[in-house]
Amino acid sequence: MTLNPSPIELVTAGTDFLLGLMVLYIPWKLLKIAGFKAATWKWVCRLLAVASFLGTVAHGLELTPEAGALVWRPLNLALGLTLGLFVVGAVFDLAGEGAARRILPLMLALGLGFFGISVLIPYTFLTFIAYEALAMLFALGVYGYLAVRNRLPGAGWMTAAVLVTLVAAVVQAVGPSGHALFWYFDKNGVFHVIQMVGFGLLAVGLNAWVKRQA
C-alpha cells in the first residue's frame, strides 16, 4: 500500500488523525472519575478516536476495494456506537442513570443497525448523516432545555458543542467530495476541523460537570 496521491485526501487523513488525538485527550484529562456517566463519555471519545484513526488510513492510503472494506466496516461500527452513546449521555443528564441504563441496549442496537445498513449499502454517508442528525437534534433539545433551566453545570457549552456538530454534519452533507472548498480541504477535511471545535466545547462542558463532582 502507498500514500493516496490526492493532496485533498491526505489533508483529510491529517485532520482525521488530529481529531482522533484530540478526543483521546478529553477522557484522559477530564474524566478521571468513576461512574456510569463518566464511562459513557469516555467510550464516546474512545470510539470516535477509533473511527478517526481508521479514517486516517482510509483517506491517507491508496487501498484496494477489499482493503477499503476492511477499514470502512469497523469505522462505521465505531461511528454508529459513538452516536448511540452520545444519546445515552444526554439521557443521563436529562433523566438520570436509571433512564440512561434502560435506553443503553436500544441505542447500542441502533448503532449496530446502522453498521448493518453500511454493510448492505457500502461507501455512502447518507444513512450516517441522517442518523447523526436525529441523534444531535435530540441532544440539542436536551442540553438546550438543561441550559435554560440551569439544571446542569456546563449545559450551555454542551449545547454549543452540539450546534457546532450539526454545522459540521451540514457541511459534510452538502459540500463537494474530492473538490477543495479552500486550499486542499474538501467537505470531509472541513468536517473534521469543525468537529474539533465541537469537541473542544464538549470538553469545556464536561469539565464544568467534573469540577462540580470534586
N, C-alpha and C. Protein backbone atom coordinates (compact mmCIF):
# COMPACT_ATOMS: atom_id res chain seq x y z
N MET A 1 0.84 -1.20 0.00
CA MET A 1 0.00 0.00 0.00
C MET A 1 0.87 1.24 0.00
N THR A 2 0.41 2.26 -0.72
CA THR A 2 1.14 3.52 -0.80
C THR A 2 0.23 4.67 -0.37
N LEU A 3 0.84 5.84 -0.18
CA LEU A 3 0.05 7.01 0.18
C LEU A 3 -0.91 7.38 -0.94
N ASN A 4 -2.04 7.90 -0.56
CA ASN A 4 -3.03 8.36 -1.53
C ASN A 4 -2.40 9.49 -2.35
N PRO A 5 -2.48 9.44 -3.67
CA PRO A 5 -1.86 10.50 -4.48
C PRO A 5 -2.60 11.83 -4.42
N SER A 6 -3.82 11.84 -3.89
CA SER A 6 -4.61 13.07 -3.83
C SER A 6 -4.20 13.92 -2.63
N PRO A 7 -3.75 15.15 -2.84
CA PRO A 7 -3.43 16.00 -1.68
C PRO A 7 -4.65 16.32 -0.84
N ILE A 8 -5.83 16.35 -1.45
CA ILE A 8 -7.05 16.60 -0.68
C ILE A 8 -7.29 15.45 0.30
N GLU A 9 -7.13 14.21 -0.19
CA GLU A 9 -7.33 13.06 0.69
C GLU A 9 -6.28 13.00 1.79
N LEU A 10 -5.06 13.42 1.49
CA LEU A 10 -4.02 13.43 2.51
C LEU A 10 -4.32 14.45 3.60
N VAL A 11 -4.83 15.61 3.21
CA VAL A 11 -5.23 16.61 4.21
C VAL A 11 -6.38 16.09 5.06
N THR A 12 -7.34 15.41 4.41
CA THR A 12 -8.44 14.82 5.15
C THR A 12 -7.93 13.78 6.15
N ALA A 13 -6.96 12.97 5.73
CA ALA A 13 -6.36 11.99 6.63
C ALA A 13 -5.69 12.68 7.82
N GLY A 14 -5.01 13.79 7.56
CA GLY A 14 -4.34 14.52 8.63
C GLY A 14 -5.31 15.10 9.63
N THR A 15 -6.42 15.67 9.14
CA THR A 15 -7.42 16.23 10.06
C THR A 15 -8.10 15.12 10.85
N ASP A 16 -8.31 13.97 10.23
CA ASP A 16 -8.88 12.83 10.95
C ASP A 16 -7.95 12.39 12.08
N PHE A 17 -6.66 12.35 11.80
CA PHE A 17 -5.68 11.94 12.82
C PHE A 17 -5.66 12.93 13.99
N LEU A 18 -5.71 14.22 13.69
CA LEU A 18 -5.72 15.23 14.75
C LEU A 18 -6.99 15.14 15.59
N LEU A 19 -8.12 14.89 14.92
CA LEU A 19 -9.37 14.72 15.66
C LEU A 19 -9.27 13.52 16.60
N GLY A 20 -8.68 12.43 16.12
CA GLY A 20 -8.52 11.25 16.96
C GLY A 20 -7.67 11.54 18.19
N LEU A 21 -6.57 12.25 18.00
CA LEU A 21 -5.72 12.60 19.13
C LEU A 21 -6.47 13.47 20.14
N MET A 22 -7.25 14.40 19.62
CA MET A 22 -7.97 15.33 20.50
C MET A 22 -8.99 14.60 21.36
N VAL A 23 -9.77 13.72 20.74
CA VAL A 23 -10.82 13.06 21.52
C VAL A 23 -10.25 12.00 22.46
N LEU A 24 -9.06 11.52 22.21
CA LEU A 24 -8.40 10.64 23.18
C LEU A 24 -7.94 11.44 24.40
N TYR A 25 -7.57 12.70 24.19
CA TYR A 25 -7.08 13.55 25.27
C TYR A 25 -8.19 13.91 26.25
N ILE A 26 -9.43 14.05 25.74
CA ILE A 26 -10.53 14.52 26.59
C ILE A 26 -10.77 13.59 27.78
N PRO A 27 -11.00 12.27 27.58
CA PRO A 27 -11.24 11.43 28.76
C PRO A 27 -10.03 11.29 29.66
N TRP A 28 -8.83 11.32 29.08
CA TRP A 28 -7.62 11.21 29.90
C TRP A 28 -7.48 12.42 30.80
N LYS A 29 -7.83 13.59 30.31
CA LYS A 29 -7.64 14.83 31.04
C LYS A 29 -8.81 15.15 31.98
N LEU A 30 -10.04 14.90 31.52
CA LEU A 30 -11.20 15.44 32.23
C LEU A 30 -11.99 14.42 33.04
N LEU A 31 -11.99 13.17 32.61
CA LEU A 31 -12.91 12.23 33.22
C LEU A 31 -12.19 11.19 34.08
N LYS A 32 -11.34 11.66 34.96
CA LYS A 32 -10.62 10.74 35.85
C LYS A 32 -11.48 10.43 37.08
N ILE A 33 -12.74 10.12 36.83
CA ILE A 33 -13.64 9.77 37.91
C ILE A 33 -14.43 8.54 37.48
N ALA A 34 -15.02 7.87 38.46
CA ALA A 34 -15.79 6.66 38.18
C ALA A 34 -17.25 7.01 37.97
N GLY A 35 -18.02 6.02 37.59
CA GLY A 35 -19.45 6.21 37.44
C GLY A 35 -19.93 5.99 36.02
N PHE A 36 -21.24 5.79 35.87
CA PHE A 36 -21.84 5.47 34.58
C PHE A 36 -21.68 6.61 33.59
N LYS A 37 -21.92 7.84 34.03
CA LYS A 37 -21.81 8.98 33.11
C LYS A 37 -20.39 9.13 32.59
N ALA A 38 -19.42 9.08 33.49
CA ALA A 38 -18.03 9.21 33.07
C ALA A 38 -17.66 8.11 32.09
N ALA A 39 -18.09 6.88 32.38
CA ALA A 39 -17.78 5.76 31.49
C ALA A 39 -18.40 5.96 30.11
N THR A 40 -19.63 6.49 30.08
CA THR A 40 -20.31 6.71 28.80
C THR A 40 -19.53 7.69 27.94
N TRP A 41 -19.11 8.80 28.52
CA TRP A 41 -18.40 9.81 27.72
C TRP A 41 -16.99 9.37 27.36
N LYS A 42 -16.38 8.58 28.23
CA LYS A 42 -15.08 8.00 27.87
C LYS A 42 -15.21 7.14 26.62
N TRP A 43 -16.28 6.33 26.57
CA TRP A 43 -16.45 5.46 25.41
C TRP A 43 -16.86 6.23 24.16
N VAL A 44 -17.60 7.32 24.33
CA VAL A 44 -17.88 8.20 23.18
C VAL A 44 -16.57 8.66 22.56
N CYS A 45 -15.66 9.12 23.40
CA CYS A 45 -14.38 9.65 22.91
C CYS A 45 -13.50 8.54 22.33
N ARG A 46 -13.46 7.40 23.01
CA ARG A 46 -12.61 6.31 22.53
C ARG A 46 -13.08 5.77 21.18
N LEU A 47 -14.39 5.60 21.06
CA LEU A 47 -14.92 5.08 19.80
C LEU A 47 -14.74 6.07 18.66
N LEU A 48 -14.93 7.37 18.95
CA LEU A 48 -14.69 8.35 17.90
C LEU A 48 -13.21 8.39 17.52
N ALA A 49 -12.34 8.18 18.49
CA ALA A 49 -10.91 8.13 18.18
C ALA A 49 -10.60 6.94 17.27
N VAL A 50 -11.21 5.78 17.55
CA VAL A 50 -11.02 4.61 16.68
C VAL A 50 -11.48 4.94 15.27
N ALA A 51 -12.67 5.55 15.14
CA ALA A 51 -13.18 5.91 13.82
C ALA A 51 -12.25 6.89 13.12
N SER A 52 -11.72 7.84 13.87
CA SER A 52 -10.84 8.85 13.27
C SER A 52 -9.53 8.24 12.78
N PHE A 53 -8.96 7.36 13.57
CA PHE A 53 -7.70 6.74 13.15
C PHE A 53 -7.91 5.79 11.97
N LEU A 54 -9.05 5.11 11.95
CA LEU A 54 -9.36 4.29 10.78
C LEU A 54 -9.61 5.18 9.56
N GLY A 55 -10.22 6.34 9.78
CA GLY A 55 -10.41 7.30 8.70
C GLY A 55 -9.09 7.81 8.16
N THR A 56 -8.11 7.95 9.04
CA THR A 56 -6.78 8.34 8.61
C THR A 56 -6.21 7.34 7.60
N VAL A 57 -6.42 6.07 7.90
CA VAL A 57 -5.96 5.02 6.99
C VAL A 57 -6.77 5.04 5.70
N ALA A 58 -8.09 5.15 5.82
CA ALA A 58 -8.96 5.10 4.64
C ALA A 58 -8.68 6.23 3.66
N HIS A 59 -8.43 7.42 4.19
CA HIS A 59 -8.18 8.57 3.33
C HIS A 59 -6.71 8.71 2.95
N GLY A 60 -5.83 8.24 3.82
CA GLY A 60 -4.41 8.52 3.60
C GLY A 60 -3.68 7.50 2.75
N LEU A 61 -4.25 6.30 2.61
CA LEU A 61 -3.59 5.26 1.83
C LEU A 61 -4.40 4.95 0.57
N GLU A 62 -3.72 4.49 -0.43
CA GLU A 62 -4.38 4.05 -1.65
C GLU A 62 -4.73 2.57 -1.46
N LEU A 63 -6.01 2.30 -1.21
CA LEU A 63 -6.45 0.96 -0.84
C LEU A 63 -7.20 0.29 -1.98
N THR A 64 -7.07 -1.02 -2.02
CA THR A 64 -7.92 -1.79 -2.93
C THR A 64 -9.34 -1.79 -2.37
N PRO A 65 -10.34 -2.10 -3.20
CA PRO A 65 -11.71 -2.17 -2.68
C PRO A 65 -11.85 -3.13 -1.50
N GLU A 66 -11.14 -4.25 -1.56
CA GLU A 66 -11.22 -5.23 -0.47
C GLU A 66 -10.61 -4.66 0.81
N ALA A 67 -9.46 -4.03 0.69
CA ALA A 67 -8.81 -3.44 1.87
C ALA A 67 -9.64 -2.27 2.40
N GLY A 68 -10.23 -1.49 1.49
CA GLY A 68 -11.09 -0.40 1.92
C GLY A 68 -12.27 -0.87 2.74
N ALA A 69 -12.87 -2.00 2.33
CA ALA A 69 -13.99 -2.54 3.08
C ALA A 69 -13.57 -2.95 4.48
N LEU A 70 -12.36 -3.49 4.61
CA LEU A 70 -11.86 -3.91 5.93
C LEU A 70 -11.65 -2.72 6.86
N VAL A 71 -11.44 -1.54 6.29
CA VAL A 71 -11.27 -0.33 7.10
C VAL A 71 -12.61 0.33 7.37
N TRP A 72 -13.45 0.47 6.34
CA TRP A 72 -14.69 1.22 6.49
C TRP A 72 -15.72 0.50 7.36
N ARG A 73 -15.72 -0.81 7.36
CA ARG A 73 -16.72 -1.52 8.17
C ARG A 73 -16.54 -1.28 9.66
N PRO A 74 -15.36 -1.50 10.25
CA PRO A 74 -15.21 -1.17 11.67
C PRO A 74 -15.32 0.32 11.95
N LEU A 75 -14.95 1.14 10.97
CA LEU A 75 -15.10 2.59 11.13
C LEU A 75 -16.58 2.94 11.30
N ASN A 76 -17.44 2.39 10.44
CA ASN A 76 -18.87 2.66 10.55
C ASN A 76 -19.45 2.10 11.83
N LEU A 77 -18.97 0.94 12.27
CA LEU A 77 -19.42 0.39 13.54
C LEU A 77 -19.08 1.33 14.69
N ALA A 78 -17.85 1.85 14.69
CA ALA A 78 -17.44 2.78 15.75
C ALA A 78 -18.28 4.05 15.73
N LEU A 79 -18.57 4.58 14.53
CA LEU A 79 -19.38 5.78 14.43
C LEU A 79 -20.80 5.54 14.93
N GLY A 80 -21.38 4.41 14.54
CA GLY A 80 -22.73 4.11 14.98
C GLY A 80 -22.84 4.01 16.49
N LEU A 81 -21.88 3.33 17.12
CA LEU A 81 -21.88 3.20 18.57
C LEU A 81 -21.58 4.53 19.26
N THR A 82 -20.74 5.35 18.65
CA THR A 82 -20.45 6.67 19.21
C THR A 82 -21.71 7.50 19.34
N LEU A 83 -22.50 7.56 18.27
CA LEU A 83 -23.73 8.35 18.29
C LEU A 83 -24.73 7.78 19.30
N GLY A 84 -24.82 6.45 19.35
CA GLY A 84 -25.72 5.85 20.32
C GLY A 84 -25.36 6.22 21.75
N LEU A 85 -24.10 6.18 22.08
CA LEU A 85 -23.66 6.51 23.43
C LEU A 85 -23.77 8.00 23.71
N PHE A 86 -23.65 8.84 22.68
CA PHE A 86 -23.87 10.27 22.86
C PHE A 86 -25.30 10.51 23.34
N VAL A 87 -26.24 9.82 22.74
CA VAL A 87 -27.64 9.95 23.17
C VAL A 87 -27.81 9.44 24.60
N VAL A 88 -27.15 8.34 24.93
CA VAL A 88 -27.22 7.81 26.30
C VAL A 88 -26.70 8.85 27.30
N GLY A 89 -25.59 9.53 26.94
CA GLY A 89 -25.07 10.57 27.82
C GLY A 89 -26.06 11.70 28.02
N ALA A 90 -26.75 12.08 26.95
CA ALA A 90 -27.75 13.15 27.05
C ALA A 90 -28.93 12.70 27.91
N VAL A 91 -29.37 11.45 27.76
CA VAL A 91 -30.47 10.94 28.57
C VAL A 91 -30.09 10.91 30.05
N PHE A 92 -28.85 10.55 30.34
CA PHE A 92 -28.38 10.56 31.73
C PHE A 92 -28.54 11.95 32.31
N ASP A 93 -28.10 12.97 31.60
CA ASP A 93 -28.17 14.33 32.11
C ASP A 93 -29.60 14.83 32.25
N LEU A 94 -30.49 14.32 31.41
CA LEU A 94 -31.89 14.76 31.46
C LEU A 94 -32.69 14.02 32.52
N ALA A 95 -32.52 12.69 32.59
CA ALA A 95 -33.44 11.88 33.40
C ALA A 95 -32.76 10.97 34.40
N GLY A 96 -31.41 10.98 34.46
CA GLY A 96 -30.73 10.20 35.48
C GLY A 96 -30.19 8.87 34.98
N GLU A 97 -29.46 8.20 35.87
CA GLU A 97 -28.76 6.98 35.49
C GLU A 97 -29.71 5.84 35.13
N GLY A 98 -30.82 5.73 35.85
CA GLY A 98 -31.76 4.66 35.57
C GLY A 98 -32.28 4.70 34.14
N ALA A 99 -32.68 5.89 33.70
CA ALA A 99 -33.18 6.05 32.33
C ALA A 99 -32.07 5.78 31.32
N ALA A 100 -30.87 6.23 31.63
CA ALA A 100 -29.75 6.01 30.71
C ALA A 100 -29.43 4.53 30.57
N ARG A 101 -29.48 3.81 31.67
CA ARG A 101 -29.20 2.37 31.61
C ARG A 101 -30.30 1.64 30.83
N ARG A 102 -31.54 2.10 30.98
CA ARG A 102 -32.64 1.44 30.26
C ARG A 102 -32.53 1.66 28.75
N ILE A 103 -32.08 2.84 28.34
CA ILE A 103 -32.02 3.14 26.90
C ILE A 103 -30.73 2.63 26.27
N LEU A 104 -29.75 2.27 27.08
CA LEU A 104 -28.45 1.84 26.55
C LEU A 104 -28.58 0.67 25.56
N PRO A 105 -29.29 -0.42 25.89
CA PRO A 105 -29.38 -1.53 24.91
C PRO A 105 -30.00 -1.09 23.59
N LEU A 106 -31.02 -0.24 23.65
CA LEU A 106 -31.66 0.24 22.42
C LEU A 106 -30.69 1.02 21.56
N MET A 107 -29.92 1.91 22.18
CA MET A 107 -29.00 2.75 21.40
C MET A 107 -27.84 1.92 20.84
N LEU A 108 -27.39 0.92 21.59
CA LEU A 108 -26.37 0.04 21.05
C LEU A 108 -26.92 -0.76 19.87
N ALA A 109 -28.19 -1.18 19.98
CA ALA A 109 -28.82 -1.91 18.88
C ALA A 109 -28.96 -1.01 17.65
N LEU A 110 -29.31 0.25 17.85
CA LEU A 110 -29.41 1.18 16.72
C LEU A 110 -28.05 1.40 16.07
N GLY A 111 -27.01 1.48 16.91
CA GLY A 111 -25.66 1.60 16.36
C GLY A 111 -25.27 0.41 15.52
N LEU A 112 -25.62 -0.77 16.00
CA LEU A 112 -25.35 -1.98 15.23
C LEU A 112 -26.20 -2.03 13.96
N GLY A 113 -27.44 -1.50 14.06
CA GLY A 113 -28.29 -1.44 12.88
C GLY A 113 -27.71 -0.54 11.80
N PHE A 114 -27.19 0.62 12.23
CA PHE A 114 -26.53 1.49 11.27
C PHE A 114 -25.35 0.78 10.61
N PHE A 115 -24.59 0.04 11.40
CA PHE A 115 -23.47 -0.72 10.85
C PHE A 115 -23.97 -1.73 9.81
N GLY A 116 -25.07 -2.41 10.12
CA GLY A 116 -25.61 -3.38 9.18
C GLY A 116 -26.01 -2.73 7.86
N ILE A 117 -26.62 -1.55 7.94
CA ILE A 117 -27.01 -0.84 6.72
C ILE A 117 -25.78 -0.44 5.93
N SER A 118 -24.72 -0.02 6.64
CA SER A 118 -23.50 0.39 5.94
C SER A 118 -22.83 -0.78 5.22
N VAL A 119 -23.05 -2.01 5.73
CA VAL A 119 -22.52 -3.19 5.05
C VAL A 119 -23.33 -3.48 3.80
N LEU A 120 -24.65 -3.33 3.91
CA LEU A 120 -25.52 -3.58 2.76
C LEU A 120 -25.40 -2.51 1.69
N ILE A 121 -25.18 -1.25 2.14
CA ILE A 121 -25.04 -0.13 1.20
C ILE A 121 -23.69 0.54 1.46
N PRO A 122 -22.59 -0.04 0.97
CA PRO A 122 -21.26 0.50 1.29
C PRO A 122 -20.99 1.82 0.60
N TYR A 123 -20.00 2.54 1.16
CA TYR A 123 -19.49 3.78 0.57
C TYR A 123 -20.57 4.86 0.43
N THR A 124 -21.46 4.92 1.40
CA THR A 124 -22.42 6.02 1.42
C THR A 124 -22.51 6.57 2.84
N PHE A 125 -22.54 7.88 2.97
CA PHE A 125 -22.66 8.52 4.27
C PHE A 125 -24.08 9.04 4.50
N LEU A 126 -24.98 8.80 3.53
CA LEU A 126 -26.33 9.33 3.66
C LEU A 126 -27.02 8.80 4.91
N THR A 127 -26.89 7.51 5.16
CA THR A 127 -27.51 6.92 6.34
C THR A 127 -26.89 7.47 7.61
N PHE A 128 -25.56 7.60 7.61
CA PHE A 128 -24.88 8.14 8.79
C PHE A 128 -25.31 9.57 9.07
N ILE A 129 -25.43 10.38 8.02
CA ILE A 129 -25.80 11.78 8.20
C ILE A 129 -27.20 11.89 8.79
N ALA A 130 -28.14 11.06 8.31
CA ALA A 130 -29.50 11.07 8.85
C ALA A 130 -29.50 10.63 10.31
N TYR A 131 -28.77 9.56 10.61
CA TYR A 131 -28.67 9.05 11.98
C TYR A 131 -28.03 10.09 12.90
N GLU A 132 -26.96 10.72 12.41
CA GLU A 132 -26.28 11.74 13.19
C GLU A 132 -27.20 12.93 13.45
N ALA A 133 -27.94 13.35 12.43
CA ALA A 133 -28.83 14.50 12.59
C ALA A 133 -29.89 14.23 13.65
N LEU A 134 -30.49 13.04 13.63
CA LEU A 134 -31.51 12.70 14.63
C LEU A 134 -30.91 12.68 16.04
N ALA A 135 -29.74 12.07 16.18
CA ALA A 135 -29.11 11.98 17.49
C ALA A 135 -28.73 13.36 18.01
N MET A 136 -28.17 14.21 17.14
CA MET A 136 -27.73 15.52 17.57
C MET A 136 -28.90 16.47 17.84
N LEU A 137 -29.98 16.35 17.07
CA LEU A 137 -31.16 17.17 17.34
C LEU A 137 -31.77 16.82 18.69
N PHE A 138 -31.79 15.53 19.01
CA PHE A 138 -32.26 15.12 20.33
C PHE A 138 -31.36 15.71 21.42
N ALA A 139 -30.04 15.58 21.25
CA ALA A 139 -29.10 16.11 22.24
C ALA A 139 -29.21 17.62 22.35
N LEU A 140 -29.43 18.29 21.23
CA LEU A 140 -29.59 19.75 21.25
C LEU A 140 -30.80 20.14 22.09
N GLY A 141 -31.91 19.43 21.90
CA GLY A 141 -33.09 19.72 22.71
C GLY A 141 -32.84 19.49 24.19
N VAL A 142 -32.15 18.41 24.51
CA VAL A 142 -31.86 18.08 25.91
C VAL A 142 -30.99 19.15 26.55
N TYR A 143 -29.87 19.46 25.92
CA TYR A 143 -28.93 20.39 26.55
C TYR A 143 -29.42 21.83 26.49
N GLY A 144 -30.19 22.17 25.45
CA GLY A 144 -30.81 23.49 25.43
C GLY A 144 -31.78 23.66 26.59
N TYR A 145 -32.57 22.64 26.83
CA TYR A 145 -33.52 22.66 27.96
C TYR A 145 -32.78 22.76 29.29
N LEU A 146 -31.73 21.95 29.46
CA LEU A 146 -30.98 21.97 30.72
C LEU A 146 -30.27 23.29 30.94
N ALA A 147 -29.83 23.91 29.84
CA ALA A 147 -29.16 25.21 29.96
C ALA A 147 -30.16 26.29 30.38
N VAL A 148 -31.33 26.29 29.76
CA VAL A 148 -32.36 27.29 30.10
C VAL A 148 -32.81 27.12 31.55
N ARG A 149 -32.95 25.88 31.98
CA ARG A 149 -33.39 25.59 33.33
C ARG A 149 -32.26 25.65 34.35
N ASN A 150 -31.03 25.81 33.87
CA ASN A 150 -29.85 25.86 34.75
C ASN A 150 -29.78 24.63 35.65
N ARG A 151 -30.00 23.47 35.03
CA ARG A 151 -30.04 22.22 35.79
C ARG A 151 -28.76 21.41 35.69
N LEU A 152 -27.83 21.84 34.85
CA LEU A 152 -26.61 21.05 34.66
C LEU A 152 -25.42 21.97 34.47
N PRO A 153 -24.37 21.83 35.28
CA PRO A 153 -23.16 22.63 35.04
C PRO A 153 -22.60 22.33 33.65
N GLY A 154 -22.33 23.38 32.89
CA GLY A 154 -21.75 23.20 31.56
C GLY A 154 -22.76 22.92 30.46
N ALA A 155 -24.07 22.98 30.77
CA ALA A 155 -25.08 22.67 29.76
C ALA A 155 -25.01 23.63 28.58
N GLY A 156 -24.70 24.89 28.84
CA GLY A 156 -24.58 25.86 27.74
C GLY A 156 -23.46 25.48 26.78
N TRP A 157 -22.35 25.04 27.34
CA TRP A 157 -21.22 24.60 26.50
C TRP A 157 -21.59 23.34 25.72
N MET A 158 -22.32 22.44 26.36
CA MET A 158 -22.74 21.23 25.68
C MET A 158 -23.69 21.56 24.52
N THR A 159 -24.58 22.53 24.77
CA THR A 159 -25.49 22.97 23.70
C THR A 159 -24.71 23.53 22.53
N ALA A 160 -23.72 24.36 22.82
CA ALA A 160 -22.88 24.92 21.75
C ALA A 160 -22.14 23.83 21.01
N ALA A 161 -21.66 22.82 21.74
CA ALA A 161 -20.93 21.71 21.11
C ALA A 161 -21.82 20.96 20.13
N VAL A 162 -23.06 20.72 20.52
CA VAL A 162 -23.99 20.00 19.64
C VAL A 162 -24.32 20.85 18.42
N LEU A 163 -24.52 22.15 18.62
CA LEU A 163 -24.79 23.04 17.49
C LEU A 163 -23.65 23.01 16.47
N VAL A 164 -22.42 23.07 16.97
CA VAL A 164 -21.26 23.03 16.08
C VAL A 164 -21.20 21.68 15.35
N THR A 165 -21.52 20.60 16.05
CA THR A 165 -21.52 19.28 15.41
C THR A 165 -22.57 19.21 14.31
N LEU A 166 -23.72 19.84 14.53
CA LEU A 166 -24.75 19.88 13.49
C LEU A 166 -24.27 20.68 12.27
N VAL A 167 -23.57 21.78 12.51
CA VAL A 167 -22.99 22.55 11.40
C VAL A 167 -22.03 21.67 10.61
N ALA A 168 -21.20 20.92 11.33
CA ALA A 168 -20.26 20.02 10.67
C ALA A 168 -20.99 19.00 9.80
N ALA A 169 -22.11 18.47 10.32
CA ALA A 169 -22.88 17.48 9.57
C ALA A 169 -23.46 18.09 8.30
N VAL A 170 -23.91 19.34 8.39
CA VAL A 170 -24.46 20.02 7.20
C VAL A 170 -23.37 20.19 6.15
N VAL A 171 -22.19 20.61 6.59
CA VAL A 171 -21.07 20.79 5.65
C VAL A 171 -20.76 19.46 4.96
N GLN A 172 -20.73 18.38 5.74
CA GLN A 172 -20.42 17.08 5.15
C GLN A 172 -21.51 16.62 4.20
N ALA A 173 -22.75 16.99 4.50
CA ALA A 173 -23.86 16.53 3.67
C ALA A 173 -23.93 17.25 2.33
N VAL A 174 -23.62 18.55 2.32
CA VAL A 174 -23.87 19.34 1.10
C VAL A 174 -22.60 19.72 0.36
N GLY A 175 -21.44 19.59 1.00
CA GLY A 175 -20.20 20.01 0.35
C GLY A 175 -19.75 19.02 -0.71
N PRO A 176 -18.93 19.47 -1.65
CA PRO A 176 -18.43 18.57 -2.71
C PRO A 176 -17.33 17.66 -2.18
N SER A 177 -17.41 16.39 -2.50
CA SER A 177 -16.40 15.43 -2.07
C SER A 177 -15.29 15.35 -3.10
N GLY A 178 -14.05 15.43 -2.65
CA GLY A 178 -12.92 15.35 -3.55
C GLY A 178 -12.61 16.65 -4.27
N HIS A 179 -13.37 17.70 -3.97
CA HIS A 179 -13.12 19.01 -4.58
C HIS A 179 -12.89 20.02 -3.46
N ALA A 180 -11.83 20.78 -3.58
CA ALA A 180 -11.43 21.67 -2.49
C ALA A 180 -12.45 22.78 -2.26
N LEU A 181 -12.80 22.97 -0.99
CA LEU A 181 -13.57 24.15 -0.60
C LEU A 181 -12.62 25.33 -0.42
N PHE A 182 -11.46 25.09 0.13
CA PHE A 182 -10.37 26.06 0.17
C PHE A 182 -9.07 25.28 0.37
N TRP A 183 -8.03 25.78 -0.25
CA TRP A 183 -6.72 25.10 -0.24
C TRP A 183 -6.96 23.64 -0.59
N TYR A 184 -6.54 22.67 0.27
CA TYR A 184 -6.76 21.26 -0.01
C TYR A 184 -7.82 20.65 0.90
N PHE A 185 -8.71 21.47 1.43
CA PHE A 185 -9.76 20.99 2.31
C PHE A 185 -11.05 20.79 1.52
N ASP A 186 -11.51 19.53 1.46
CA ASP A 186 -12.84 19.29 0.91
C ASP A 186 -13.82 19.20 2.08
N LYS A 187 -15.04 18.73 1.80
CA LYS A 187 -16.06 18.72 2.85
C LYS A 187 -15.65 17.84 4.03
N ASN A 188 -14.92 16.76 3.78
CA ASN A 188 -14.52 15.88 4.87
C ASN A 188 -13.46 16.52 5.76
N GLY A 189 -12.49 17.19 5.15
CA GLY A 189 -11.48 17.88 5.94
C GLY A 189 -12.08 18.99 6.78
N VAL A 190 -13.00 19.77 6.17
CA VAL A 190 -13.67 20.85 6.91
C VAL A 190 -14.52 20.25 8.04
N PHE A 191 -15.20 19.15 7.75
CA PHE A 191 -16.00 18.47 8.77
C PHE A 191 -15.15 18.11 9.99
N HIS A 192 -13.96 17.58 9.76
CA HIS A 192 -13.10 17.20 10.89
C HIS A 192 -12.66 18.41 11.69
N VAL A 193 -12.34 19.51 11.00
CA VAL A 193 -11.91 20.72 11.71
C VAL A 193 -13.04 21.26 12.58
N ILE A 194 -14.25 21.31 12.01
CA ILE A 194 -15.39 21.81 12.78
C ILE A 194 -15.68 20.88 13.94
N GLN A 195 -15.54 19.58 13.72
CA GLN A 195 -15.74 18.62 14.80
C GLN A 195 -14.75 18.84 15.94
N MET A 196 -13.53 19.21 15.62
CA MET A 196 -12.55 19.50 16.66
C MET A 196 -13.02 20.67 17.52
N VAL A 197 -13.58 21.69 16.88
CA VAL A 197 -14.13 22.81 17.64
C VAL A 197 -15.27 22.32 18.53
N GLY A 198 -16.15 21.49 17.96
CA GLY A 198 -17.28 20.99 18.72
C GLY A 198 -16.85 20.18 19.93
N PHE A 199 -15.86 19.32 19.76
CA PHE A 199 -15.42 18.50 20.90
C PHE A 199 -14.59 19.31 21.89
N GLY A 200 -14.00 20.41 21.43
CA GLY A 200 -13.38 21.32 22.39
C GLY A 200 -14.43 21.94 23.31
N LEU A 201 -15.56 22.35 22.73
CA LEU A 201 -16.67 22.87 23.53
C LEU A 201 -17.25 21.79 24.44
N LEU A 202 -17.35 20.58 23.93
CA LEU A 202 -17.82 19.47 24.74
C LEU A 202 -16.91 19.25 25.94
N ALA A 203 -15.61 19.35 25.72
CA ALA A 203 -14.65 19.16 26.82
C ALA A 203 -14.86 20.21 27.90
N VAL A 204 -15.12 21.45 27.48
CA VAL A 204 -15.37 22.52 28.47
C VAL A 204 -16.63 22.20 29.27
N GLY A 205 -17.68 21.75 28.57
CA GLY A 205 -18.92 21.40 29.26
C GLY A 205 -18.74 20.25 30.23
N LEU A 206 -18.04 19.22 29.82
CA LEU A 206 -17.78 18.09 30.71
C LEU A 206 -16.91 18.50 31.89
N ASN A 207 -15.96 19.38 31.63
CA ASN A 207 -15.07 19.84 32.70
C ASN A 207 -15.86 20.58 33.78
N ALA A 208 -16.87 21.35 33.35
CA ALA A 208 -17.70 22.06 34.33
C ALA A 208 -18.42 21.07 35.24
N TRP A 209 -18.89 19.96 34.65
CA TRP A 209 -19.55 18.93 35.46
C TRP A 209 -18.54 18.22 36.37
N VAL A 210 -17.36 17.90 35.85
CA VAL A 210 -16.34 17.21 36.63
C VAL A 210 -15.94 18.04 37.85
N LYS A 211 -15.78 19.35 37.65
CA LYS A 211 -15.41 20.22 38.78
C LYS A 211 -16.47 20.21 39.87
N ARG A 212 -17.74 20.09 39.46
CA ARG A 212 -18.82 20.05 40.45
C ARG A 212 -18.77 18.76 41.27
N GLN A 213 -18.18 17.69 40.69
CA GLN A 213 -18.10 16.42 41.42
C GLN A 213 -16.98 16.44 42.46
N ALA A 214 -16.01 17.34 42.28
CA ALA A 214 -14.84 17.35 43.18
C ALA A 214 -15.22 17.84 44.57
